[in-house]
C-alpha cells in the first residue's frame, strides 16, 4: 500500500491512499491526481526529527575522500528542513557548492526506544524518497553540520510512503538532474542496513511515530544549479521531484 498526505481544495490536511497506476490519491470518496493544482502534496509524514546517516555507501565515502565509519555516523535535520514533492527548493545564497544526495528514507510507525535489530522492522511504517541537500561550504568547516545540513528546505521528502512489503530488499536508488542520471545504486549496498540503524539510533534516542531515518547516499553527488530539476527515484516507492532556486 502507498499513502500520501496532501492539503485538499478546502485547505484541510488529508492522508489518502495513493494508486501508482493512476498517479492519484483518494480520500473520503474524492480522488485527485498528484499533480492536480487544486491540491498541495505534503511530505508523507510530519516528523519531530530526521536522523541522517553519513557515509553509509562505501563508494560515496571514497568519492569524498573519507574512510568508511566503524559505526553509523549520525546527524540530525530538524522539521524546518522539510520540503515537498513539487516544491521549488531555495538553497542558501553565496555558496560554492550545494549538493544533491538521493536517499532511501525510513518512516517510523510508533514511539520506540532500545529496539533490537531482530525486531526493528516491526516499528517501520514504510519507506519514502529524500534528497539530503547539503551545503558543502559550511559542512567542511564545522563538526556539528548545522549550517551544512539543517538549513531550510534541506530535506525534500516524498512524494508518498510505501509500506515495507512494496519495497524490495535490493530496491534501486537513483537520482536524475534535468533528466540525466547522476546516482544509481541499490539498497543492498548499504553498509549498515535498516535494522542495524534502528537498533543503533534507539540505543540513544527515542524515535516518535512519523520520525524519519535517512539511510545515506551512494556515489555520484554533485553541485546543484539555479533552475535544476531533481528527481529521486526509489523502486517500490516512486519519484520525488523538485526544482532548485539559488538566490
C-alpha atoms as a PDB file:
ATOM      1  CA  UNK A   1       0.000   0.000   0.000  1.00  0.00           C
ATOM      2  CA  UNK A   2       1.030   3.587  -0.686  1.00  0.00           C
ATOM      3  CA  UNK A   3      -0.120   6.589   1.358  1.00  0.00           C
ATOM      4  CA  UNK A   4       0.049  10.295   0.533  1.00  0.00           C
ATOM      5  CA  UNK A   5      -0.524  13.447   2.594  1.00  0.00           C
ATOM      6  CA  UNK A   6      -1.995  16.487   0.905  1.00  0.00           C
ATOM      7  CA  UNK A   7      -3.888  19.732   1.504  1.00  0.00           C
ATOM      8  CA  UNK A   8      -7.275  19.467  -0.191  1.00  0.00           C
ATOM      9  CA  UNK A   9      -9.055  22.308  -2.037  1.00  0.00           C
ATOM     10  CA  UNK A  10     -10.684  23.418   1.228  1.00  0.00           C
ATOM     11  CA  UNK A  11      -7.292  23.731   2.913  1.00  0.00           C
ATOM     12  CA  UNK A  12      -7.648  20.648   5.134  1.00  0.00           C
ATOM     13  CA  UNK A  13      -4.714  18.258   5.538  1.00  0.00           C
ATOM     14  CA  UNK A  14      -5.680  14.748   4.475  1.00  0.00           C
ATOM     15  CA  UNK A  15      -3.956  11.383   4.257  1.00  0.00           C
ATOM     16  CA  UNK A  16      -5.200   9.151   1.495  1.00  0.00           C
ATOM     17  CA  UNK A  17      -4.454   6.000  -0.435  1.00  0.00           C
ATOM     18  CA  UNK A  18      -2.194   6.512  -3.426  1.00  0.00           C
ATOM     19  CA  UNK A  19      -2.587   4.454  -6.599  1.00  0.00           C
ATOM     20  CA  UNK A  20       0.678   4.304  -8.611  1.00  0.00           C
ATOM     21  CA  UNK A  21      -1.202   3.184 -11.718  1.00  0.00           C
ATOM     22  CA  UNK A  22      -3.383   6.310 -11.883  1.00  0.00           C
ATOM     23  CA  UNK A  23      -0.923   8.575 -10.034  1.00  0.00           C
ATOM     24  CA  UNK A  24      -3.850   9.697  -7.878  1.00  0.00           C
ATOM     25  CA  UNK A  25      -4.657   9.906  -4.179  1.00  0.00           C
ATOM     26  CA  UNK A  26      -8.096   9.063  -2.800  1.00  0.00           C
ATOM     27  CA  UNK A  27      -9.746  10.238   0.419  1.00  0.00           C
ATOM     28  CA  UNK A  28     -13.387  10.234   1.527  1.00  0.00           C
ATOM     29  CA  UNK A  29     -14.778   9.387  -1.890  1.00  0.00           C
ATOM     30  CA  UNK A  30     -12.753  12.074  -3.673  1.00  0.00           C
ATOM     31  CA  UNK A  31      -9.768  11.379  -5.912  1.00  0.00           C
ATOM     32  CA  UNK A  32      -7.077  13.803  -7.025  1.00  0.00           C
ATOM     33  CA  UNK A  33      -4.181  13.416  -9.440  1.00  0.00           C
ATOM     34  CA  UNK A  34      -0.921  14.023  -7.632  1.00  0.00           C
ATOM     35  CA  UNK A  35      -0.183  16.924  -9.996  1.00  0.00           C
ATOM     36  CA  UNK A  36      -3.665  18.449  -9.612  1.00  0.00           C
ATOM     37  CA  UNK A  37      -3.155  22.188  -8.936  1.00  0.00           C
ATOM     38  CA  UNK A  38      -6.203  22.105  -6.633  1.00  0.00           C
ATOM     39  CA  UNK A  39      -4.184  20.212  -4.002  1.00  0.00           C
ATOM     40  CA  UNK A  40      -0.807  20.657  -2.361  1.00  0.00           C
ATOM     41  CA  UNK A  41       1.253  17.490  -1.938  1.00  0.00           C
ATOM     42  CA  UNK A  42       2.837  17.412   1.531  1.00  0.00           C
ATOM     43  CA  UNK A  43       5.692  15.312   2.896  1.00  0.00           C
ATOM     44  CA  UNK A  44       4.213  11.870   3.630  1.00  0.00           C
ATOM     45  CA  UNK A  45       4.989  12.233   7.329  1.00  0.00           C
ATOM     46  CA  UNK A  46       5.321  15.063   9.860  1.00  0.00           C
ATOM     47  CA  UNK A  47       8.440  14.098  11.829  1.00  0.00           C
ATOM     48  CA  UNK A  48       9.754  15.567  15.058  1.00  0.00           C
ATOM     49  CA  UNK A  49      13.233  14.882  13.671  1.00  0.00           C
ATOM     50  CA  UNK A  50      15.093  13.352  10.757  1.00  0.00           C
ATOM     51  CA  UNK A  51      18.006  11.145  11.779  1.00  0.00           C
ATOM     52  CA  UNK A  52      20.505  11.005   8.923  1.00  0.00           C
ATOM     53  CA  UNK A  53      23.314   8.552   8.271  1.00  0.00           C
ATOM     54  CA  UNK A  54      26.594   9.712   6.804  1.00  0.00           C
ATOM     55  CA  UNK A  55      28.913   7.649   4.590  1.00  0.00           C
ATOM     56  CA  UNK A  56      26.659   4.587   4.524  1.00  0.00           C
ATOM     57  CA  UNK A  57      27.760   3.626   0.997  1.00  0.00           C
ATOM     58  CA  UNK A  58      31.452   2.804   0.591  1.00  0.00           C
ATOM     59  CA  UNK A  59      31.625   4.395  -2.862  1.00  0.00           C
ATOM     60  CA  UNK A  60      30.267   7.694  -1.541  1.00  0.00           C
ATOM     61  CA  UNK A  61      32.784   7.740   1.316  1.00  0.00           C
ATOM     62  CA  UNK A  62      35.521   7.140  -1.239  1.00  0.00           C
ATOM     63  CA  UNK A  63      34.398   9.925  -3.593  1.00  0.00           C
ATOM     64  CA  UNK A  64      34.612  12.416  -0.707  1.00  0.00           C
ATOM     65  CA  UNK A  65      37.987  11.068   0.391  1.00  0.00           C
ATOM     66  CA  UNK A  66      36.639   9.717   3.691  1.00  0.00           C
ATOM     67  CA  UNK A  67      37.046   6.401   5.459  1.00  0.00           C
ATOM     68  CA  UNK A  68      34.079   4.095   5.974  1.00  0.00           C
ATOM     69  CA  UNK A  69      32.886   4.550   9.594  1.00  0.00           C
ATOM     70  CA  UNK A  70      33.069   1.641  12.026  1.00  0.00           C
ATOM     71  CA  UNK A  71      29.637   2.516  13.388  1.00  0.00           C
ATOM     72  CA  UNK A  72      26.750   4.504  11.856  1.00  0.00           C
ATOM     73  CA  UNK A  73      27.626   8.179  11.554  1.00  0.00           C
ATOM     74  CA  UNK A  74      24.574  10.054  12.854  1.00  0.00           C
ATOM     75  CA  UNK A  75      23.433  13.637  12.405  1.00  0.00           C
ATOM     76  CA  UNK A  76      20.072  15.406  12.597  1.00  0.00           C
ATOM     77  CA  UNK A  77      17.870  17.500  10.366  1.00  0.00           C
ATOM     78  CA  UNK A  78      15.040  19.400  12.086  1.00  0.00           C
ATOM     79  CA  UNK A  79      11.463  19.820  10.778  1.00  0.00           C
ATOM     80  CA  UNK A  80      12.284  23.218   9.211  1.00  0.00           C
ATOM     81  CA  UNK A  81      14.375  21.316   6.654  1.00  0.00           C
ATOM     82  CA  UNK A  82      11.338  19.593   5.136  1.00  0.00           C
ATOM     83  CA  UNK A  83      10.245  20.355   1.600  1.00  0.00           C
ATOM     84  CA  UNK A  84       7.598  18.669  -0.527  1.00  0.00           C
ATOM     85  CA  UNK A  85       7.257  16.959  -3.865  1.00  0.00           C
ATOM     86  CA  UNK A  86       6.767  19.663  -6.481  1.00  0.00           C
ATOM     87  CA  UNK A  87       8.343  22.433  -4.431  1.00  0.00           C
ATOM     88  CA  UNK A  88      10.927  24.885  -5.635  1.00  0.00           C
ATOM     89  CA  UNK A  89      13.682  24.453  -3.072  1.00  0.00           C
ATOM     90  CA  UNK A  90      15.565  27.651  -2.258  1.00  0.00           C
ATOM     91  CA  UNK A  91      19.091  26.942  -1.023  1.00  0.00           C
ATOM     92  CA  UNK A  92      21.480  29.254   0.878  1.00  0.00           C
ATOM     93  CA  UNK A  93      22.944  32.099  -1.185  1.00  0.00           C
ATOM     94  CA  UNK A  94      26.606  32.765  -1.781  1.00  0.00           C
ATOM     95  CA  UNK A  95      27.821  29.158  -1.556  1.00  0.00           C
ATOM     96  CA  UNK A  96      30.206  27.481  -3.963  1.00  0.00           C
ATOM     97  CA  UNK A  97      28.693  24.031  -3.632  1.00  0.00           C
ATOM     98  CA  UNK A  98      25.220  22.858  -2.602  1.00  0.00           C
ATOM     99  CA  UNK A  99      24.994  19.113  -3.377  1.00  0.00           C
ATOM    100  CA  UNK A 100      22.221  16.642  -4.131  1.00  0.00           C
ATOM    101  CA  UNK A 101      22.103  13.318  -2.235  1.00  0.00           C
ATOM    102  CA  UNK A 102      19.445  10.707  -3.053  1.00  0.00           C
ATOM    103  CA  UNK A 103      18.428   8.607  -0.054  1.00  0.00           C
ATOM    104  CA  UNK A 104      16.040   5.836   0.922  1.00  0.00           C
ATOM    105  CA  UNK A 105      14.152   7.211   3.934  1.00  0.00           C
ATOM    106  CA  UNK A 106      12.531   5.089   6.643  1.00  0.00           C
ATOM    107  CA  UNK A 107       9.314   6.296   8.309  1.00  0.00           C
ATOM    108  CA  UNK A 108       8.866   5.128  11.904  1.00  0.00           C
ATOM    109  CA  UNK A 109       5.406   3.860  12.846  1.00  0.00           C
ATOM    110  CA  UNK A 110       5.415   4.015  16.638  1.00  0.00           C
ATOM    111  CA  UNK A 111       7.244   5.516  19.586  1.00  0.00           C
ATOM    112  CA  UNK A 112      10.207   3.277  20.316  1.00  0.00           C
ATOM    113  CA  UNK A 113      13.423   3.017  22.320  1.00  0.00           C
ATOM    114  CA  UNK A 114      16.071   0.296  22.693  1.00  0.00           C
ATOM    115  CA  UNK A 115      14.811  -1.727  19.715  1.00  0.00           C
ATOM    116  CA  UNK A 116      16.715  -4.925  18.917  1.00  0.00           C
ATOM    117  CA  UNK A 117      17.702  -5.300  15.268  1.00  0.00           C
ATOM    118  CA  UNK A 118      15.725  -8.533  15.056  1.00  0.00           C
ATOM    119  CA  UNK A 119      12.544  -6.612  15.927  1.00  0.00           C
ATOM    120  CA  UNK A 120      13.349  -3.391  14.110  1.00  0.00           C
ATOM    121  CA  UNK A 121      11.079  -3.838  11.094  1.00  0.00           C
ATOM    122  CA  UNK A 122       8.106  -4.061  13.476  1.00  0.00           C
ATOM    123  CA  UNK A 123       8.434  -0.312  14.135  1.00  0.00           C
ATOM    124  CA  UNK A 124       8.740   0.681  10.454  1.00  0.00           C
ATOM    125  CA  UNK A 125       5.630   2.175   8.874  1.00  0.00           C
ATOM    126  CA  UNK A 126       7.173   2.429   5.433  1.00  0.00           C
ATOM    127  CA  UNK A 127       9.695   3.979   3.086  1.00  0.00           C
ATOM    128  CA  UNK A 128       9.884   7.175   1.070  1.00  0.00           C
ATOM    129  CA  UNK A 129      12.373   9.205  -1.001  1.00  0.00           C
ATOM    130  CA  UNK A 130      14.570  12.001   0.304  1.00  0.00           C
ATOM    131  CA  UNK A 131      17.129  14.410  -1.102  1.00  0.00           C
ATOM    132  CA  UNK A 132      19.667  15.225   1.620  1.00  0.00           C
ATOM    133  CA  UNK A 133      20.534  18.650   0.203  1.00  0.00           C
ATOM    134  CA  UNK A 134      23.983  19.507   1.558  1.00  0.00           C
ATOM    135  CA  UNK A 135      25.846  22.795   1.913  1.00  0.00           C
ATOM    136  CA  UNK A 136      29.432  21.608   1.482  1.00  0.00           C
ATOM    137  CA  UNK A 137      30.963  25.060   2.074  1.00  0.00           C
ATOM    138  CA  UNK A 138      29.906  25.077   5.713  1.00  0.00           C
ATOM    139  CA  UNK A 139      29.811  21.311   6.252  1.00  0.00           C
ATOM    140  CA  UNK A 140      33.549  21.203   5.631  1.00  0.00           C
ATOM    141  CA  UNK A 141      34.157  23.941   8.210  1.00  0.00           C
ATOM    142  CA  UNK A 142      32.164  22.578  11.157  1.00  0.00           C
ATOM    143  CA  UNK A 143      31.802  19.393  13.173  1.00  0.00           C
ATOM    144  CA  UNK A 144      28.092  19.517  14.008  1.00  0.00           C
ATOM    145  CA  UNK A 145      26.944  20.218  10.397  1.00  0.00           C
ATOM    146  CA  UNK A 146      24.093  22.553  11.408  1.00  0.00           C
ATOM    147  CA  UNK A 147      24.874  25.067   8.644  1.00  0.00           C
ATOM    148  CA  UNK A 148      25.772  22.268   6.281  1.00  0.00           C
ATOM    149  CA  UNK A 149      22.739  20.053   6.719  1.00  0.00           C
ATOM    150  CA  UNK A 150      19.938  21.669   8.780  1.00  0.00           C
ATOM    151  CA  UNK A 151      19.057  24.767   6.743  1.00  0.00           C
ATOM    152  CA  UNK A 152      15.527  25.444   5.476  1.00  0.00           C
ATOM    153  CA  UNK A 153      14.424  23.193   2.574  1.00  0.00           C
ATOM    154  CA  UNK A 154      17.370  20.816   3.112  1.00  0.00           C
ATOM    155  CA  UNK A 155      15.192  17.672   3.192  1.00  0.00           C
ATOM    156  CA  UNK A 156      12.776  17.311   0.274  1.00  0.00           C
ATOM    157  CA  UNK A 157      10.713  14.227   1.171  1.00  0.00           C
ATOM    158  CA  UNK A 158       8.065  12.216  -0.647  1.00  0.00           C
ATOM    159  CA  UNK A 159       6.022  12.054  -2.698  1.00  0.00           C
ATOM    160  CA  UNK A 160       4.353   9.115  -0.938  1.00  0.00           C
ATOM    161  CA  UNK A 161       5.079   6.474   1.684  1.00  0.00           C
ATOM    162  CA  UNK A 162       5.158   2.810   0.637  1.00  0.00           C
ATOM    163  CA  UNK A 163       4.641   0.025   3.161  1.00  0.00           C
ATOM    164  CA  UNK A 164       7.692  -2.235   3.627  1.00  0.00           C
ATOM    165  CA  UNK A 165       6.224  -5.051   1.530  1.00  0.00           C
ATOM    166  CA  UNK A 166       6.209  -2.755  -1.516  1.00  0.00           C
ATOM    167  CA  UNK A 167       9.955  -2.034  -1.412  1.00  0.00           C
ATOM    168  CA  UNK A 168      12.353  -4.829  -2.471  1.00  0.00           C
ATOM    169  CA  UNK A 169      15.359  -5.744  -0.350  1.00  0.00           C
ATOM    170  CA  UNK A 170      17.524  -4.705  -3.305  1.00  0.00           C
ATOM    171  CA  UNK A 171      15.435  -1.663  -4.264  1.00  0.00           C
ATOM    172  CA  UNK A 172      17.196   0.673  -6.672  1.00  0.00           C
ATOM    173  CA  UNK A 173      18.071   4.214  -5.561  1.00  0.00           C
ATOM    174  CA  UNK A 174      18.550   6.700  -8.387  1.00  0.00           C
ATOM    175  CA  UNK A 175      18.809  10.453  -8.857  1.00  0.00           C
ATOM    176  CA  UNK A 176      18.418  12.465 -12.028  1.00  0.00           C
ATOM    177  CA  UNK A 177      19.193  16.145 -12.606  1.00  0.00           C
ATOM    178  CA  UNK A 178      17.427  17.677 -15.616  1.00  0.00           C
ATOM    179  CA  UNK A 179      16.745  14.141 -16.830  1.00  0.00           C
ATOM    180  CA  UNK A 180      20.372  12.956 -16.624  1.00  0.00           C
ATOM    181  CA  UNK A 181      21.153  10.091 -14.239  1.00  0.00           C
ATOM    182  CA  UNK A 182      23.709  11.156 -11.633  1.00  0.00           C
ATOM    183  CA  UNK A 183      23.346   8.459  -8.944  1.00  0.00           C
ATOM    184  CA  UNK A 184      22.434   4.806  -9.375  1.00  0.00           C
ATOM    185  CA  UNK A 185      22.768   2.133  -6.706  1.00  0.00           C
ATOM    186  CA  UNK A 186      20.559  -0.061  -4.571  1.00  0.00           C
ATOM    187  CA  UNK A 187      19.572  -0.817  -1.017  1.00  0.00           C
ATOM    188  CA  UNK A 188      21.820  -3.889  -0.821  1.00  0.00           C
ATOM    189  CA  UNK A 189      24.895  -1.638  -0.950  1.00  0.00           C
ATOM    190  CA  UNK A 190      24.112  -0.014   2.402  1.00  0.00           C
ATOM    191  CA  UNK A 191      26.995  -0.620   4.829  1.00  0.00           C
ATOM    192  CA  UNK A 192      24.609  -0.606   7.801  1.00  0.00           C
ATOM    193  CA  UNK A 193      21.157  -1.972   6.951  1.00  0.00           C
ATOM    194  CA  UNK A 194      17.862  -0.601   8.242  1.00  0.00           C
ATOM    195  CA  UNK A 195      17.523  -2.918  11.282  1.00  0.00           C
ATOM    196  CA  UNK A 196      21.104  -2.130  12.338  1.00  0.00           C
ATOM    197  CA  UNK A 197      20.423   1.586  12.038  1.00  0.00           C
ATOM    198  CA  UNK A 198      17.245   1.404  14.107  1.00  0.00           C
ATOM    199  CA  UNK A 199      18.994  -0.567  16.845  1.00  0.00           C
ATOM    200  CA  UNK A 200      21.882   1.912  16.979  1.00  0.00           C
ATOM    201  CA  UNK A 201      19.721   5.040  16.909  1.00  0.00           C
ATOM    202  CA  UNK A 202      17.257   3.835  19.533  1.00  0.00           C
ATOM    203  CA  UNK A 203      20.130   2.994  21.861  1.00  0.00           C
ATOM    204  CA  UNK A 204      20.496   6.770  22.240  1.00  0.00           C
ATOM    205  CA  UNK A 205      17.256   8.387  21.041  1.00  0.00           C
ATOM    206  CA  UNK A 206      13.563   7.768  21.438  1.00  0.00           C
ATOM    207  CA  UNK A 207      12.012   7.739  17.982  1.00  0.00           C
ATOM    208  CA  UNK A 208       8.467   9.022  17.669  1.00  0.00           C
ATOM    209  CA  UNK A 209       5.775   7.899  15.236  1.00  0.00           C
ATOM    210  CA  UNK A 210       6.409   9.742  11.989  1.00  0.00           C
ATOM    211  CA  UNK A 211      10.117  10.296  12.554  1.00  0.00           C
ATOM    212  CA  UNK A 212      12.405   9.653   9.596  1.00  0.00           C
ATOM    213  CA  UNK A 213      15.729   7.874   9.187  1.00  0.00           C
ATOM    214  CA  UNK A 214      17.611   8.866   6.021  1.00  0.00           C
ATOM    215  CA  UNK A 215      19.834   5.886   5.280  1.00  0.00           C
ATOM    216  CA  UNK A 216      22.676   7.539   3.338  1.00  0.00           C
ATOM    217  CA  UNK A 217      23.539   8.332  -0.260  1.00  0.00           C
ATOM    218  CA  UNK A 218      25.517   6.435  -2.914  1.00  0.00           C
ATOM    219  CA  UNK A 219      28.288   7.677  -5.171  1.00  0.00           C
ATOM    220  CA  UNK A 220      27.572  10.458  -7.626  1.00  0.00           C
ATOM    221  CA  UNK A 221      26.833  13.558  -5.553  1.00  0.00           C
ATOM    222  CA  UNK A 222      27.319  16.896  -7.279  1.00  0.00           C
ATOM    223  CA  UNK A 223      26.540  20.587  -7.207  1.00  0.00           C
ATOM    224  CA  UNK A 224      23.061  21.977  -7.809  1.00  0.00           C
ATOM    225  CA  UNK A 225      22.500  24.990 -10.056  1.00  0.00           C
ATOM    226  CA  UNK A 226      19.727  27.537 -10.269  1.00  0.00           C
ATOM    227  CA  UNK A 227      16.791  26.168 -12.254  1.00  0.00           C
ATOM    228  CA  UNK A 228      17.733  22.494 -11.894  1.00  0.00           C
ATOM    229  CA  UNK A 229      15.006  19.867 -11.706  1.00  0.00           C
ATOM    230  CA  UNK A 230      15.879  16.962  -9.409  1.00  0.00           C
ATOM    231  CA  UNK A 231      14.211  13.533  -9.366  1.00  0.00           C
ATOM    232  CA  UNK A 232      14.867  10.933  -6.663  1.00  0.00           C
ATOM    233  CA  UNK A 233      13.525   7.554  -7.754  1.00  0.00           C
ATOM    234  CA  UNK A 234      13.298   4.571  -5.402  1.00  0.00           C
ATOM    235  CA  UNK A 235      11.983   1.237  -6.590  1.00  0.00           C
ATOM    236  CA  UNK A 236       8.672   0.404  -4.948  1.00  0.00           C
ATOM    237  CA  UNK A 237       8.101   3.968  -3.730  1.00  0.00           C
ATOM    238  CA  UNK A 238       8.011   6.331  -6.690  1.00  0.00           C
ATOM    239  CA  UNK A 239       9.681   9.557  -7.777  1.00  0.00           C
ATOM    240  CA  UNK A 240      10.236  12.668  -5.694  1.00  0.00           C
ATOM    241  CA  UNK A 241      10.644  15.722  -7.922  1.00  0.00           C
ATOM    242  CA  UNK A 242      11.553  19.290  -7.030  1.00  0.00           C
ATOM    243  CA  UNK A 243      13.125  22.339  -8.623  1.00  0.00           C
ATOM    244  CA  UNK A 244      16.039  24.370  -7.280  1.00  0.00           C
ATOM    245  CA  UNK A 245      16.436  28.094  -6.758  1.00  0.00           C
ATOM    246  CA  UNK A 246      19.818  29.592  -5.990  1.00  0.00           C
ATOM    247  CA  UNK A 247      19.342  33.241  -4.868  1.00  0.00           C
END
